[in-house]
Amino acid sequence: MSLSKRRIDASVESFDVQMSAEEARKRGKIDWEIIRKTTEADIERQRIEDDCPRLEDLGPGRVMFAGPNVEELRTKLGLTQEAFANRYGLALETLQEWERRRRQPDGTAPILLQVIEGSAKTVESVLKSET
């Protein structure tokens, strides 16, 4: 079966969308002229027609945790990236992404980093006792 004859099936909420790869490629083109002509009133009308809630009705957004500067913390402790990652059970690639600011620590990582910042020796002794 050729790529253009293949069907793309995707379940979207309560209905299915089916189109060929060629149809998907055609739909992928953006008509910038239409976008430039779209007014705020057009967007609001479309939102109502699509029965989409307004952003202010969705509740609070995601709160980002502003933890310590990871590179500064690691440097203050006198550790290489690899040593820091190994000592505190972090993936080296993750640490590098944090330091490059391509990603932010999430989940429990910001809390761990704050604890390390406040008492690195305590964290190290706890981790040593676990092994």
C-alpha atoms as a PDB file:
ATOM      1  CA  MET A   1       0.000   0.000   0.000  1.00  0.00           C
ATOM      2  CA  SER A   2       1.478   3.352  -0.979  1.00  0.00           C
ATOM      3  CA  LEU A   3       1.887   6.102   1.573  1.00  0.00           C
ATOM      4  CA  SER A   4      -0.747   8.322  -0.071  1.00  0.00           C
ATOM      5  CA  LYS A   5      -3.332   5.515  -0.007  1.00  0.00           C
ATOM      6  CA  ARG A   6      -2.827   4.706   3.662  1.00  0.00           C
ATOM      7  CA  ARG A   7      -5.633   5.863   5.967  1.00  0.00           C
ATOM      8  CA  ILE A   8      -4.965   7.746   9.163  1.00  0.00           C
ATOM      9  CA  ASP A   9      -7.375   6.830  11.928  1.00  0.00           C
ATOM     10  CA  ALA A  10      -7.491   8.850  15.127  1.00  0.00           C
ATOM     11  CA  SER A  11     -10.078   8.723  17.832  1.00  0.00           C
ATOM     12  CA  VAL A  12     -11.022  12.211  18.976  1.00  0.00           C
ATOM     13  CA  GLU A  13     -13.431  12.378  21.908  1.00  0.00           C
ATOM     14  CA  SER A  14     -16.728  10.863  20.729  1.00  0.00           C
ATOM     15  CA  PHE A  15     -16.093  10.733  16.983  1.00  0.00           C
ATOM     16  CA  ASP A  16     -13.470   9.338  14.618  1.00  0.00           C
ATOM     17  CA  VAL A  17     -11.425  11.283  12.115  1.00  0.00           C
ATOM     18  CA  GLN A  18     -10.321   9.477   8.961  1.00  0.00           C
ATOM     19  CA  MET A  19      -8.311  10.924   6.109  1.00  0.00           C
ATOM     20  CA  SER A  20      -5.651   9.802   3.696  1.00  0.00           C
ATOM     21  CA  ALA A  21      -2.035  10.866   4.167  1.00  0.00           C
ATOM     22  CA  GLU A  22      -2.455  13.142   1.128  1.00  0.00           C
ATOM     23  CA  GLU A  23      -5.515  14.796   2.709  1.00  0.00           C
ATOM     24  CA  ALA A  24      -3.553  15.288   5.915  1.00  0.00           C
ATOM     25  CA  ARG A  25      -0.687  16.939   3.993  1.00  0.00           C
ATOM     26  CA  LYS A  26      -3.112  19.304   2.235  1.00  0.00           C
ATOM     27  CA  ARG A  27      -4.745  20.261   5.513  1.00  0.00           C
ATOM     28  CA  GLY A  28      -1.344  20.926   7.035  1.00  0.00           C
ATOM     29  CA  LYS A  29      -0.812  24.027   4.905  1.00  0.00           C
ATOM     30  CA  ILE A  30      -1.477  27.259   6.756  1.00  0.00           C
ATOM     31  CA  ASP A  31      -3.306  30.048   4.987  1.00  0.00           C
ATOM     32  CA  TRP A  32      -1.646  33.040   6.627  1.00  0.00           C
ATOM     33  CA  GLU A  33      -3.957  35.476   4.856  1.00  0.00           C
ATOM     34  CA  ILE A  34      -6.973  33.973   6.651  1.00  0.00           C
ATOM     35  CA  ILE A  35      -5.110  34.085   9.965  1.00  0.00           C
ATOM     36  CA  ARG A  36      -4.158  37.752   9.475  1.00  0.00           C
ATOM     37  CA  LYS A  37      -7.788  38.650   8.699  1.00  0.00           C
ATOM     38  CA  THR A  38      -9.189  36.796  11.743  1.00  0.00           C
ATOM     39  CA  THR A  39     -10.436  39.209  14.385  1.00  0.00           C
ATOM     40  CA  GLU A  40     -10.974  38.698  18.108  1.00  0.00           C
ATOM     41  CA  ALA A  41     -14.731  38.722  17.391  1.00  0.00           C
ATOM     42  CA  ASP A  42     -14.225  35.854  14.890  1.00  0.00           C
ATOM     43  CA  ILE A  43     -12.303  33.864  17.496  1.00  0.00           C
ATOM     44  CA  GLU A  44     -15.004  34.448  20.130  1.00  0.00           C
ATOM     45  CA  ARG A  45     -17.747  33.411  17.672  1.00  0.00           C
ATOM     46  CA  GLN A  46     -15.833  30.231  16.799  1.00  0.00           C
ATOM     47  CA  ARG A  47     -15.257  29.500  20.497  1.00  0.00           C
ATOM     48  CA  ILE A  48     -19.008  29.726  21.146  1.00  0.00           C
ATOM     49  CA  GLU A  49     -19.838  27.617  18.055  1.00  0.00           C
ATOM     50  CA  ASP A  50     -17.340  24.956  19.177  1.00  0.00           C
ATOM     51  CA  ASP A  51     -18.679  25.118  22.758  1.00  0.00           C
ATOM     52  CA  CYS A  52     -15.185  25.759  24.161  1.00  0.00           C
ATOM     53  CA  PRO A  53     -14.822  27.328  27.603  1.00  0.00           C
ATOM     54  CA  ARG A  54     -13.098  30.686  27.901  1.00  0.00           C
ATOM     55  CA  LEU A  55      -9.577  30.567  29.319  1.00  0.00           C
ATOM     56  CA  GLU A  56     -10.637  32.487  32.434  1.00  0.00           C
ATOM     57  CA  ASP A  57     -13.290  29.798  33.101  1.00  0.00           C
ATOM     58  CA  LEU A  58     -10.741  26.965  33.118  1.00  0.00           C
ATOM     59  CA  GLY A  59      -9.383  27.741  36.570  1.00  0.00           C
ATOM     60  CA  PRO A  60      -5.796  28.334  37.626  1.00  0.00           C
ATOM     61  CA  GLY A  61      -3.024  27.385  35.254  1.00  0.00           C
ATOM     62  CA  ARG A  62      -0.115  25.181  36.117  1.00  0.00           C
ATOM     63  CA  VAL A  63       2.111  26.706  38.758  1.00  0.00           C
ATOM     64  CA  MET A  64       5.784  26.379  37.972  1.00  0.00           C
ATOM     65  CA  PHE A  65       8.043  25.741  40.949  1.00  0.00           C
ATOM     66  CA  ALA A  66      11.005  28.086  40.978  1.00  0.00           C
ATOM     67  CA  GLY A  67      13.687  25.931  42.549  1.00  0.00           C
ATOM     68  CA  PRO A  68      17.362  26.661  42.942  1.00  0.00           C
ATOM     69  CA  ASN A  69      19.666  27.322  40.012  1.00  0.00           C
ATOM     70  CA  VAL A  70      20.950  23.788  39.382  1.00  0.00           C
ATOM     71  CA  GLU A  71      24.272  24.763  37.794  1.00  0.00           C
ATOM     72  CA  GLU A  72      24.992  27.246  40.586  1.00  0.00           C
ATOM     73  CA  LEU A  73      24.161  24.620  43.221  1.00  0.00           C
ATOM     74  CA  ARG A  74      26.351  21.981  41.570  1.00  0.00           C
ATOM     75  CA  THR A  75      29.257  24.423  41.188  1.00  0.00           C
ATOM     76  CA  LYS A  76      28.907  25.542  44.820  1.00  0.00           C
ATOM     77  CA  LEU A  77      29.247  21.905  45.866  1.00  0.00           C
ATOM     78  CA  GLY A  78      32.346  21.579  43.672  1.00  0.00           C
ATOM     79  CA  LEU A  79      30.941  18.695  41.637  1.00  0.00           C
ATOM     80  CA  THR A  80      31.049  17.877  37.943  1.00  0.00           C
ATOM     81  CA  GLN A  81      27.749  17.218  36.205  1.00  0.00           C
ATOM     82  CA  GLU A  82      28.453  13.484  36.232  1.00  0.00           C
ATOM     83  CA  ALA A  83      29.429  13.442  39.924  1.00  0.00           C
ATOM     84  CA  PHE A  84      26.345  15.472  40.920  1.00  0.00           C
ATOM     85  CA  ALA A  85      24.023  13.246  38.895  1.00  0.00           C
ATOM     86  CA  ASN A  86      25.559  10.056  40.328  1.00  0.00           C
ATOM     87  CA  ARG A  87      25.607  11.322  43.912  1.00  0.00           C
ATOM     88  CA  TYR A  88      21.934  12.323  43.926  1.00  0.00           C
ATOM     89  CA  GLY A  89      20.484   9.639  41.644  1.00  0.00           C
ATOM     90  CA  LEU A  90      19.737  11.873  38.662  1.00  0.00           C
ATOM     91  CA  ALA A  91      20.086  11.084  34.982  1.00  0.00           C
ATOM     92  CA  LEU A  92      23.060  13.009  33.561  1.00  0.00           C
ATOM     93  CA  GLU A  93      21.036  14.036  30.501  1.00  0.00           C
ATOM     94  CA  THR A  94      18.271  15.435  32.720  1.00  0.00           C
ATOM     95  CA  LEU A  95      20.764  17.464  34.727  1.00  0.00           C
ATOM     96  CA  GLN A  96      22.283  18.829  31.518  1.00  0.00           C
ATOM     97  CA  GLU A  97      18.838  19.838  30.220  1.00  0.00           C
ATOM     98  CA  TRP A  98      18.131  21.665  33.490  1.00  0.00           C
ATOM     99  CA  GLU A  99      21.425  23.515  33.326  1.00  0.00           C
ATOM    100  CA  ARG A 100      20.848  24.501  29.687  1.00  0.00           C
ATOM    101  CA  ARG A 101      17.366  25.662  30.758  1.00  0.00           C
ATOM    102  CA  ARG A 102      15.747  23.518  28.086  1.00  0.00           C
ATOM    103  CA  ARG A 103      13.733  21.802  30.828  1.00  0.00           C
ATOM    104  CA  GLN A 104      12.777  22.645  34.372  1.00  0.00           C
ATOM    105  CA  PRO A 105      12.901  20.251  37.294  1.00  0.00           C
ATOM    106  CA  ASP A 106       9.416  18.863  37.878  1.00  0.00           C
ATOM    107  CA  GLY A 107       7.670  16.400  40.145  1.00  0.00           C
ATOM    108  CA  THR A 108       9.698  15.927  43.325  1.00  0.00           C
ATOM    109  CA  ALA A 109      12.976  17.094  41.752  1.00  0.00           C
ATOM    110  CA  PRO A 110      12.605  20.768  42.829  1.00  0.00           C
ATOM    111  CA  ILE A 111      12.052  19.630  46.409  1.00  0.00           C
ATOM    112  CA  LEU A 112      15.116  17.368  46.302  1.00  0.00           C
ATOM    113  CA  LEU A 113      17.184  20.237  44.897  1.00  0.00           C
ATOM    114  CA  GLN A 114      16.008  22.574  47.664  1.00  0.00           C
ATOM    115  CA  VAL A 115      16.898  19.994  50.310  1.00  0.00           C
ATOM    116  CA  ILE A 116      20.322  19.483  48.693  1.00  0.00           C
ATOM    117  CA  GLU A 117      20.795  23.257  48.651  1.00  0.00           C
ATOM    118  CA  GLY A 118      19.901  23.516  52.343  1.00  0.00           C
ATOM    119  CA  SER A 119      21.731  20.454  53.609  1.00  0.00           C
ATOM    120  CA  ALA A 120      23.728  18.494  51.066  1.00  0.00           C
ATOM    121  CA  LYS A 121      25.551  16.511  53.777  1.00  0.00           C
ATOM    122  CA  THR A 122      22.250  15.278  55.250  1.00  0.00           C
ATOM    123  CA  VAL A 123      21.001  14.139  51.845  1.00  0.00           C
ATOM    124  CA  GLU A 124      24.314  12.368  51.159  1.00  0.00           C
ATOM    125  CA  SER A 125      24.243  10.564  54.523  1.00  0.00           C
ATOM    126  CA  VAL A 126      20.643   9.425  53.952  1.00  0.00           C
ATOM    127  CA  LEU A 127      21.498   8.169  50.472  1.00  0.00           C
ATOM    128  CA  LYS A 128      24.596   6.340  51.777  1.00  0.00           C
ATOM    129  CA  SER A 129      22.558   4.628  54.494  1.00  0.00           C
ATOM    130  CA  GLU A 130      20.093   3.376  51.857  1.00  0.00           C
ATOM    131  CA  THR A 131      22.794   1.437  49.974  1.00  0.00           C
END
